Amino acid sequence: QGGNNNAYCQDNEIGWLDWPQADEALIAFT
């Protein structure tokens, strides 16, 4: 979230999950 630790009012790309940049290897690890 670009270092935002209180995104309560960010109904936009700050607050939404960034699927286009998802790390597939990290998903597999988890």
Full PDB file with SEQRES, HELIX, SHEET, SSBOND, CRYST1, ORIGX, SCALE, CONECT and MASTER records, all heavy atoms in Angstrom:
SEQRES   1 A   30  GLN GLY GLY ASN ASN ASN ALA TYR CYS GLN ASP ASN GLU          
SEQRES   2 A   30  ILE GLY TRP LEU ASP TRP PRO GLN ALA ASP GLU ALA LEU          
SEQRES   3 A   30  ILE ALA PHE THR                                              
HELIX    1 AA1 TRP A   19  GLN A   21  5                                   3    
HELIX    2 AA2 GLU A   24  PHE A   29  1                                   6    
CRYST1    1.000    1.000    1.000  90.00  90.00  90.00 P 1           1          
ORIGX1      1.000000  0.000000  0.000000        0.00000                         
ORIGX2      0.000000  1.000000  0.000000        0.00000                         
ORIGX3      0.000000  0.000000  1.000000        0.00000                         
SCALE1      1.000000  0.000000  0.000000        0.00000                         
SCALE2      0.000000  1.000000  0.000000        0.00000                         
SCALE3      0.000000  0.000000  1.000000        0.00000                         
ATOM      1  N   GLN A   1       0.824  -1.206   0.000  1.00  0.00           N  
ATOM      2  CA  GLN A   1       0.000   0.000   0.000  1.00  0.00           C  
ATOM      3  C   GLN A   1       0.864   1.264   0.000  1.00  0.00           C  
ATOM      4  O   GLN A   1       0.430   2.316   0.458  1.00  0.00           O  
ATOM      5  CB  GLN A   1      -0.936   0.013   1.221  1.00  0.00           C  
ATOM      6  CG  GLN A   1      -1.941  -1.116   1.210  1.00  0.00           C  
ATOM      7  CD  GLN A   1      -2.826  -1.178   2.440  1.00  0.00           C  
ATOM      8  OE1 GLN A   1      -3.831  -1.884   2.445  1.00  0.00           O  
ATOM      9  NE2 GLN A   1      -2.468  -0.458   3.503  1.00  0.00           N  
ATOM     10  N   GLY A   2       2.076   1.150  -0.493  1.00  0.00           N  
ATOM     11  CA  GLY A   2       2.949   2.307  -0.568  1.00  0.00           C  
ATOM     12  C   GLY A   2       3.325   2.872   0.787  1.00  0.00           C  
ATOM     13  O   GLY A   2       3.618   4.061   0.913  1.00  0.00           O  
ATOM     14  N   GLY A   3       3.321   2.021   1.815  1.00  0.00           N  
ATOM     15  CA  GLY A   3       3.674   2.474   3.154  1.00  0.00           C  
ATOM     16  C   GLY A   3       2.534   3.105   3.916  1.00  0.00           C  
ATOM     17  O   GLY A   3       2.740   3.609   5.028  1.00  0.00           O  
ATOM     18  N   ASN A   4       1.321   3.078   3.372  1.00  0.00           N  
ATOM     19  CA  ASN A   4       0.150   3.606   4.086  1.00  0.00           C  
ATOM     20  C   ASN A   4      -0.285   2.582   5.124  1.00  0.00           C  
ATOM     21  O   ASN A   4      -0.651   1.457   4.771  1.00  0.00           O  
ATOM     22  CB  ASN A   4      -0.984   3.891   3.101  1.00  0.00           C  
ATOM     23  CG  ASN A   4      -2.114   4.703   3.711  1.00  0.00           C  
ATOM     24  OD1 ASN A   4      -2.492   4.499   4.863  1.00  0.00           O  
ATOM     25  ND2 ASN A   4      -2.674   5.618   2.931  1.00  0.00           N  
ATOM     26  N   ASN A   5      -0.260   2.948   6.408  1.00  0.00           N  
ATOM     27  CA  ASN A   5      -0.654   1.992   7.451  1.00  0.00           C  
ATOM     28  C   ASN A   5      -2.020   2.326   8.039  1.00  0.00           C  
ATOM     29  O   ASN A   5      -2.360   1.861   9.123  1.00  0.00           O  
ATOM     30  CB  ASN A   5       0.411   1.901   8.549  1.00  0.00           C  
ATOM     31  CG  ASN A   5       0.428   3.114   9.473  1.00  0.00           C  
ATOM     32  OD1 ASN A   5      -0.172   4.148   9.190  1.00  0.00           O  
ATOM     33  ND2 ASN A   5       1.126   2.986  10.597  1.00  0.00           N  
ATOM     34  N   ASN A   6      -2.808   3.101   7.289  1.00  0.00           N  
ATOM     35  CA  ASN A   6      -4.170   3.433   7.746  1.00  0.00           C  
ATOM     36  C   ASN A   6      -5.040   3.726   6.527  1.00  0.00           C  
ATOM     37  O   ASN A   6      -5.627   4.806   6.407  1.00  0.00           O  
ATOM     38  CB  ASN A   6      -4.145   4.642   8.682  1.00  0.00           C  
ATOM     39  CG  ASN A   6      -5.490   4.895   9.348  1.00  0.00           C  
ATOM     40  OD1 ASN A   6      -6.199   3.965   9.689  1.00  0.00           O  
ATOM     41  ND2 ASN A   6      -5.843   6.154   9.529  1.00  0.00           N  
ATOM     42  N   ALA A   7      -5.173   2.756   5.640  1.00  0.00           N  
ATOM     43  CA  ALA A   7      -5.852   2.962   4.357  1.00  0.00           C  
ATOM     44  C   ALA A   7      -7.370   2.855   4.480  1.00  0.00           C  
ATOM     45  O   ALA A   7      -8.045   2.381   3.566  1.00  0.00           O  
ATOM     46  CB  ALA A   7      -5.325   1.966   3.335  1.00  0.00           C  
ATOM     47  N   TYR A   8      -7.921   3.347   5.587  1.00  0.00           N  
ATOM     48  CA  TYR A   8      -9.353   3.217   5.846  1.00  0.00           C  
ATOM     49  C   TYR A   8     -10.208   3.961   4.825  1.00  0.00           C  
ATOM     50  O   TYR A   8     -11.376   3.617   4.611  1.00  0.00           O  
ATOM     51  CB  TYR A   8      -9.676   3.741   7.247  1.00  0.00           C  
ATOM     52  CG  TYR A   8      -9.731   5.247   7.357  1.00  0.00           C  
ATOM     53  CD1 TYR A   8     -10.951   5.912   7.370  1.00  0.00           C  
ATOM     54  CD2 TYR A   8      -8.568   6.003   7.414  1.00  0.00           C  
ATOM     55  CE1 TYR A   8     -11.004   7.295   7.449  1.00  0.00           C  
ATOM     56  CE2 TYR A   8      -8.613   7.375   7.498  1.00  0.00           C  
ATOM     57  CZ  TYR A   8      -9.832   8.029   7.514  1.00  0.00           C  
ATOM     58  OH  TYR A   8      -9.882   9.394   7.583  1.00  0.00           O  
ATOM     59  N   CYS A   9      -9.642   4.987   4.188  1.00  0.00           N  
ATOM     60  CA  CYS A   9     -10.416   5.819   3.265  1.00  0.00           C  
ATOM     61  C   CYS A   9      -9.947   5.665   1.830  1.00  0.00           C  
ATOM     62  O   CYS A   9     -10.316   6.476   0.968  1.00  0.00           O  
ATOM     63  CB  CYS A   9     -10.336   7.285   3.696  1.00  0.00           C  
ATOM     64  SG  CYS A   9      -8.641   7.930   3.807  1.00  0.00           S  
ATOM     65  N   GLN A  10      -9.181   4.637   1.545  1.00  0.00           N  
ATOM     66  CA  GLN A  10      -8.594   4.477   0.220  1.00  0.00           C  
ATOM     67  C   GLN A  10      -9.333   3.409  -0.588  1.00  0.00           C  
ATOM     68  O   GLN A  10      -8.882   2.281  -0.729  1.00  0.00           O  
ATOM     69  CB  GLN A  10      -7.100   4.141   0.346  1.00  0.00           C  
ATOM     70  CG  GLN A  10      -6.279   5.216   1.020  1.00  0.00           C  
ATOM     71  CD  GLN A  10      -6.309   6.526   0.259  1.00  0.00           C  
ATOM     72  OE1 GLN A  10      -6.433   6.546  -0.968  1.00  0.00           O  
ATOM     73  NE2 GLN A  10      -6.206   7.636   0.983  1.00  0.00           N  
ATOM     74  N   ASP A  11     -10.490   3.803  -1.105  1.00  0.00           N  
ATOM     75  CA  ASP A  11     -11.268   2.919  -1.975  1.00  0.00           C  
ATOM     76  C   ASP A  11     -10.759   3.105  -3.404  1.00  0.00           C  
ATOM     77  O   ASP A  11     -11.457   3.626  -4.283  1.00  0.00           O  
ATOM     78  CB  ASP A  11     -12.755   3.258  -1.856  1.00  0.00           C  
ATOM     79  CG  ASP A  11     -13.641   2.272  -2.602  1.00  0.00           C  
ATOM     80  OD1 ASP A  11     -13.104   1.265  -3.115  1.00  0.00           O  
ATOM     81  OD2 ASP A  11     -14.857   2.509  -2.677  1.00  0.00           O  
ATOM     82  N   ASN A  12      -9.538   2.664  -3.615  1.00  0.00           N  
ATOM     83  CA  ASN A  12      -8.853   2.869  -4.887  1.00  0.00           C  
ATOM     84  C   ASN A  12      -7.690   1.880  -4.947  1.00  0.00           C  
ATOM     85  O   ASN A  12      -7.632   0.937  -4.152  1.00  0.00           O  
ATOM     86  CB  ASN A  12      -8.369   4.316  -5.003  1.00  0.00           C  
ATOM     87  CG  ASN A  12      -7.602   4.765  -3.762  1.00  0.00           C  
ATOM     88  OD1 ASN A  12      -6.742   4.038  -3.261  1.00  0.00           O  
ATOM     89  ND2 ASN A  12      -7.914   5.950  -3.241  1.00  0.00           N  
ATOM     90  N   GLU A  13      -6.767   2.103  -5.835  1.00  0.00           N  
ATOM     91  CA  GLU A  13      -5.695   1.137  -6.025  1.00  0.00           C  
ATOM     92  C   GLU A  13      -4.752   1.041  -4.836  1.00  0.00           C  
ATOM     93  O   GLU A  13      -4.000   0.076  -4.719  1.00  0.00           O  
ATOM     94  CB  GLU A  13      -4.919   1.460  -7.303  1.00  0.00           C  
ATOM     95  CG  GLU A  13      -5.766   1.226  -8.557  1.00  0.00           C  
ATOM     96  CD  GLU A  13      -4.962   1.294  -9.835  1.00  0.00           C  
ATOM     97  OE1 GLU A  13      -3.750   1.591  -9.759  1.00  0.00           O  
ATOM     98  OE2 GLU A  13      -5.538   1.044 -10.906  1.00  0.00           O  
ATOM     99  N   ILE A  14      -4.779   2.021  -3.936  1.00  0.00           N  
ATOM    100  CA  ILE A  14      -3.995   1.884  -2.703  1.00  0.00           C  
ATOM    101  C   ILE A  14      -4.582   0.775  -1.846  1.00  0.00           C  
ATOM    102  O   ILE A  14      -3.855  -0.070  -1.301  1.00  0.00           O  
ATOM    103  CB  ILE A  14      -3.967   3.209  -1.922  1.00  0.00           C  
ATOM    104  CG1 ILE A  14      -3.195   4.275  -2.695  1.00  0.00           C  
ATOM    105  CG2 ILE A  14      -3.341   3.002  -0.532  1.00  0.00           C  
ATOM    106  CD1 ILE A  14      -3.207   5.641  -2.035  1.00  0.00           C  
ATOM    107  N   GLY A  15      -5.903   0.753  -1.710  1.00  0.00           N  
ATOM    108  CA  GLY A  15      -6.563  -0.198  -0.831  1.00  0.00           C  
ATOM    109  C   GLY A  15      -6.922  -1.521  -1.482  1.00  0.00           C  
ATOM    110  O   GLY A  15      -7.193  -2.492  -0.776  1.00  0.00           O  
ATOM    111  N   TRP A  16      -6.958  -1.572  -2.819  1.00  0.00           N  
ATOM    112  CA  TRP A  16      -7.324  -2.805  -3.507  1.00  0.00           C  
ATOM    113  C   TRP A  16      -6.100  -3.710  -3.696  1.00  0.00           C  
ATOM    114  O   TRP A  16      -4.971  -3.232  -3.852  1.00  0.00           O  
ATOM    115  CB  TRP A  16      -7.911  -2.486  -4.885  1.00  0.00           C  
ATOM    116  CG  TRP A  16      -9.109  -1.591  -4.858  1.00  0.00           C  
ATOM    117  CD1 TRP A  16      -9.965  -1.368  -3.805  1.00  0.00           C  
ATOM    118  CD2 TRP A  16      -9.577  -0.778  -5.943  1.00  0.00           C  
ATOM    119  NE1 TRP A  16     -10.936  -0.477  -4.170  1.00  0.00           N  
ATOM    120  CE2 TRP A  16     -10.732  -0.092  -5.476  1.00  0.00           C  
ATOM    121  CE3 TRP A  16      -9.149  -0.565  -7.250  1.00  0.00           C  
ATOM    122  CZ2 TRP A  16     -11.447   0.787  -6.276  1.00  0.00           C  
ATOM    123  CZ3 TRP A  16      -9.865   0.305  -8.062  1.00  0.00           C  
ATOM    124  CH2 TRP A  16     -10.999   0.969  -7.576  1.00  0.00           C  
ATOM    125  N   LEU A  17      -6.330  -5.007  -3.707  1.00  0.00           N  
ATOM    126  CA  LEU A  17      -5.230  -5.953  -3.906  1.00  0.00           C  
ATOM    127  C   LEU A  17      -4.674  -5.835  -5.322  1.00  0.00           C  
ATOM    128  O   LEU A  17      -5.422  -5.778  -6.303  1.00  0.00           O  
ATOM    129  CB  LEU A  17      -5.696  -7.388  -3.659  1.00  0.00           C  
ATOM    130  CG  LEU A  17      -6.202  -7.724  -2.255  1.00  0.00           C  
ATOM    131  CD1 LEU A  17      -6.330  -9.234  -2.093  1.00  0.00           C  
ATOM    132  CD2 LEU A  17      -5.301  -7.150  -1.170  1.00  0.00           C  
ATOM    133  N   ASP A  18      -3.353  -5.833  -5.404  1.00  0.00           N  
ATOM    134  CA  ASP A  18      -2.660  -5.626  -6.675  1.00  0.00           C  
ATOM    135  C   ASP A  18      -2.388  -6.971  -7.342  1.00  0.00           C  
ATOM    136  O   ASP A  18      -1.243  -7.442  -7.413  1.00  0.00           O  
ATOM    137  CB  ASP A  18      -1.356  -4.865  -6.411  1.00  0.00           C  
ATOM    138  CG  ASP A  18      -0.676  -4.408  -7.691  1.00  0.00           C  
ATOM    139  OD1 ASP A  18      -1.251  -4.613  -8.782  1.00  0.00           O  
ATOM    140  OD2 ASP A  18       0.433  -3.866  -7.605  1.00  0.00           O  
ATOM    141  N   TRP A  19      -3.442  -7.579  -7.866  1.00  0.00           N  
ATOM    142  CA  TRP A  19      -3.308  -8.882  -8.510  1.00  0.00           C  
ATOM    143  C   TRP A  19      -2.351  -8.869  -9.704  1.00  0.00           C  
ATOM    144  O   TRP A  19      -1.617  -9.846  -9.916  1.00  0.00           O  
ATOM    145  CB  TRP A  19      -4.678  -9.401  -8.938  1.00  0.00           C  
ATOM    146  CG  TRP A  19      -5.511  -9.872  -7.795  1.00  0.00           C  
ATOM    147  CD1 TRP A  19      -6.516  -9.197  -7.169  1.00  0.00           C  
ATOM    148  CD2 TRP A  19      -5.404 -11.125  -7.116  1.00  0.00           C  
ATOM    149  NE1 TRP A  19      -7.037  -9.947  -6.147  1.00  0.00           N  
ATOM    150  CE2 TRP A  19      -6.379 -11.140  -6.092  1.00  0.00           C  
ATOM    151  CE3 TRP A  19      -4.578 -12.233  -7.271  1.00  0.00           C  
ATOM    152  CZ2 TRP A  19      -6.541 -12.218  -5.237  1.00  0.00           C  
ATOM    153  CZ3 TRP A  19      -4.742 -13.322  -6.421  1.00  0.00           C  
ATOM    154  CH2 TRP A  19      -5.719 -13.302  -5.419  1.00  0.00           C  
ATOM    155  N   PRO A  20      -2.321  -7.807 -10.514  1.00  0.00           N  
ATOM    156  CA  PRO A  20      -1.402  -7.842 -11.664  1.00  0.00           C  
ATOM    157  C   PRO A  20       0.063  -8.031 -11.276  1.00  0.00           C  
ATOM    158  O   PRO A  20       0.862  -8.511 -12.087  1.00  0.00           O  
ATOM    159  CB  PRO A  20      -1.637  -6.481 -12.332  1.00  0.00           C  
ATOM    160  CG  PRO A  20      -3.053  -6.132 -11.979  1.00  0.00           C  
ATOM    161  CD  PRO A  20      -3.226  -6.647 -10.577  1.00  0.00           C  
ATOM    162  N   GLN A  21       0.422  -7.652 -10.041  1.00  0.00           N  
ATOM    163  CA  GLN A  21       1.814  -7.792  -9.594  1.00  0.00           C  
ATOM    164  C   GLN A  21       1.994  -8.956  -8.618  1.00  0.00           C  
ATOM    165  O   GLN A  21       2.999  -9.019  -7.909  1.00  0.00           O  
ATOM    166  CB  GLN A  21       2.277  -6.493  -8.930  1.00  0.00           C  
ATOM    167  CG  GLN A  21       2.230  -5.272  -9.836  1.00  0.00           C  
ATOM    168  CD  GLN A  21       3.122  -5.426 -11.055  1.00  0.00           C  
ATOM    169  OE1 GLN A  21       4.241  -5.925 -10.958  1.00  0.00           O  
ATOM    170  NE2 GLN A  21       2.618  -5.013 -12.215  1.00  0.00           N  
ATOM    171  N   ALA A  22       1.053  -9.872  -8.581  1.00  0.00           N  
ATOM    172  CA  ALA A  22       1.106 -10.965  -7.608  1.00  0.00           C  
ATOM    173  C   ALA A  22       2.334 -11.847  -7.826  1.00  0.00           C  
ATOM    174  O   ALA A  22       2.677 -12.202  -8.955  1.00  0.00           O  
ATOM    175  CB  ALA A  22      -0.162 -11.804  -7.697  1.00  0.00           C  
ATOM    176  N   ASP A  23       2.984 -12.201  -6.721  1.00  0.00           N  
ATOM    177  CA  ASP A  23       4.171 -13.060  -6.724  1.00  0.00           C  
ATOM    178  C   ASP A  23       3.712 -14.513  -6.617  1.00  0.00           C  
ATOM    179  O   ASP A  23       3.365 -14.998  -5.541  1.00  0.00           O  
ATOM    180  CB  ASP A  23       5.055 -12.673  -5.538  1.00  0.00           C  
ATOM    181  CG  ASP A  23       6.362 -13.456  -5.483  1.00  0.00           C  
ATOM    182  OD1 ASP A  23       6.442 -14.540  -6.075  1.00  0.00           O  
ATOM    183  OD2 ASP A  23       7.293 -12.982  -4.805  1.00  0.00           O  
ATOM    184  N   GLU A  24       3.716 -15.219  -7.731  1.00  0.00           N  
ATOM    185  CA  GLU A  24       3.226 -16.595  -7.770  1.00  0.00           C  
ATOM    186  C   GLU A  24       4.067 -17.515  -6.894  1.00  0.00           C  
ATOM    187  O   GLU A  24       3.547 -18.444  -6.268  1.00  0.00           O  
ATOM    188  CB  GLU A  24       3.195 -17.107  -9.212  1.00  0.00           C  
ATOM    189  CG  GLU A  24       2.033 -16.603 -10.021  1.00  0.00           C  
ATOM    190  CD  GLU A  24       0.704 -17.161  -9.513  1.00  0.00           C  
ATOM    191  OE1 GLU A  24       0.652 -18.343  -9.131  1.00  0.00           O  
ATOM    192  OE2 GLU A  24      -0.284 -16.398  -9.488  1.00  0.00           O  
ATOM    193  N   ALA A  25       5.358 -17.277  -6.848  1.00  0.00           N  
ATOM    194  CA  ALA A  25       6.227 -18.129  -6.033  1.00  0.00           C  
ATOM    195  C   ALA A  25       5.893 -17.982  -4.551  1.00  0.00           C  
ATOM    196  O   ALA A  25       5.934 -18.967  -3.792  1.00  0.00           O  
ATOM    197  CB  ALA A  25       7.687 -17.776  -6.287  1.00  0.00           C  
ATOM    198  N   LEU A  26       5.541 -16.770  -4.125  1.00  0.00           N  
ATOM    199  CA  LEU A  26       5.200 -16.562  -2.724  1.00  0.00           C  
ATOM    200  C   LEU A  26       3.865 -17.217  -2.392  1.00  0.00           C  
ATOM    201  O   LEU A  26       3.684 -17.755  -1.296  1.00  0.00           O  
ATOM    202  CB  LEU A  26       5.165 -15.068  -2.408  1.00  0.00           C  
ATOM    203  CG  LEU A  26       5.074 -14.693  -0.928  1.00  0.00           C  
ATOM    204  CD1 LEU A  26       6.253 -15.267  -0.145  1.00  0.00           C  
ATOM    205  CD2 LEU A  26       5.017 -13.179  -0.762  1.00  0.00           C  
ATOM    206  N   ILE A  27       2.935 -17.183  -3.341  1.00  0.00           N  
ATOM    207  CA  ILE A  27       1.663 -17.893  -3.130  1.00  0.00           C  
ATOM    208  C   ILE A  27       1.926 -19.381  -2.932  1.00  0.00           C  
ATOM    209  O   ILE A  27       1.384 -20.014  -2.013  1.00  0.00           O  
ATOM    210  CB  ILE A  27       0.703 -17.671  -4.313  1.00  0.00           C  
ATOM    211  CG1 ILE A  27       0.302 -16.199  -4.430  1.00  0.00           C  
ATOM    212  CG2 ILE A  27      -0.546 -18.540  -4.158  1.00  0.00           C  
ATOM    213  CD1 ILE A  27      -0.548 -15.883  -5.653  1.00  0.00           C  
ATOM    214  N   ALA A  28       2.762 -19.949  -3.785  1.00  0.00           N  
ATOM    215  CA  ALA A  28       3.075 -21.382  -3.681  1.00  0.00           C  
ATOM    216  C   ALA A  28       3.744 -21.701  -2.351  1.00  0.00           C  
ATOM    217  O   ALA A  28       3.456 -22.735  -1.724  1.00  0.00           O  
ATOM    218  CB  ALA A  28       3.956 -21.805  -4.854  1.00  0.00           C  
ATOM    219  N   PHE A  29       4.651 -20.839  -1.909  1.00  0.00           N  
ATOM    220  CA  PHE A  29       5.324 -21.036  -0.626  1.00  0.00           C  
ATOM    221  C   PHE A  29       4.314 -21.004   0.522  1.00  0.00           C  
ATOM    222  O   PHE A  29       4.338 -21.874   1.416  1.00  0.00           O  
ATOM    223  CB  PHE A  29       6.379 -19.951  -0.441  1.00  0.00           C  
ATOM    224  CG  PHE A  29       7.013 -19.927   0.922  1.00  0.00           C  
ATOM    225  CD1 PHE A  29       7.911 -20.904   1.310  1.00  0.00           C  
ATOM    226  CD2 PHE A  29       6.703 -18.917   1.823  1.00  0.00           C  
ATOM    227  CE1 PHE A  29       8.500 -20.884   2.574  1.00  0.00           C  
ATOM    228  CE2 PHE A  29       7.281 -18.881   3.081  1.00  0.00           C  
ATOM    229  CZ  PHE A  29       8.183 -19.867   3.459  1.00  0.00           C  
ATOM    230  N   THR A  30       3.403 -20.036   0.499  1.00  0.00           N  
ATOM    231  CA  THR A  30       2.395 -19.935   1.556  1.00  0.00           C  
ATOM    232  C   THR A  30       1.489 -21.155   1.549  1.00  0.00           C  
ATOM    233  O   THR A  30       1.143 -21.696   2.610  1.00  0.00           O  
ATOM    234  CB  THR A  30       1.567 -18.646   1.379  1.00  0.00           C  
ATOM    235  OG1 THR A  30       2.450 -17.525   1.277  1.00  0.00           O  
ATOM    236  CG2 THR A  30       0.627 -18.441   2.551  1.00  0.00           C  
TER     237      THR A  30                                                      
MASTER        0    0    0    2    0    0    0    6  236    1    0    3          
END                                                                             
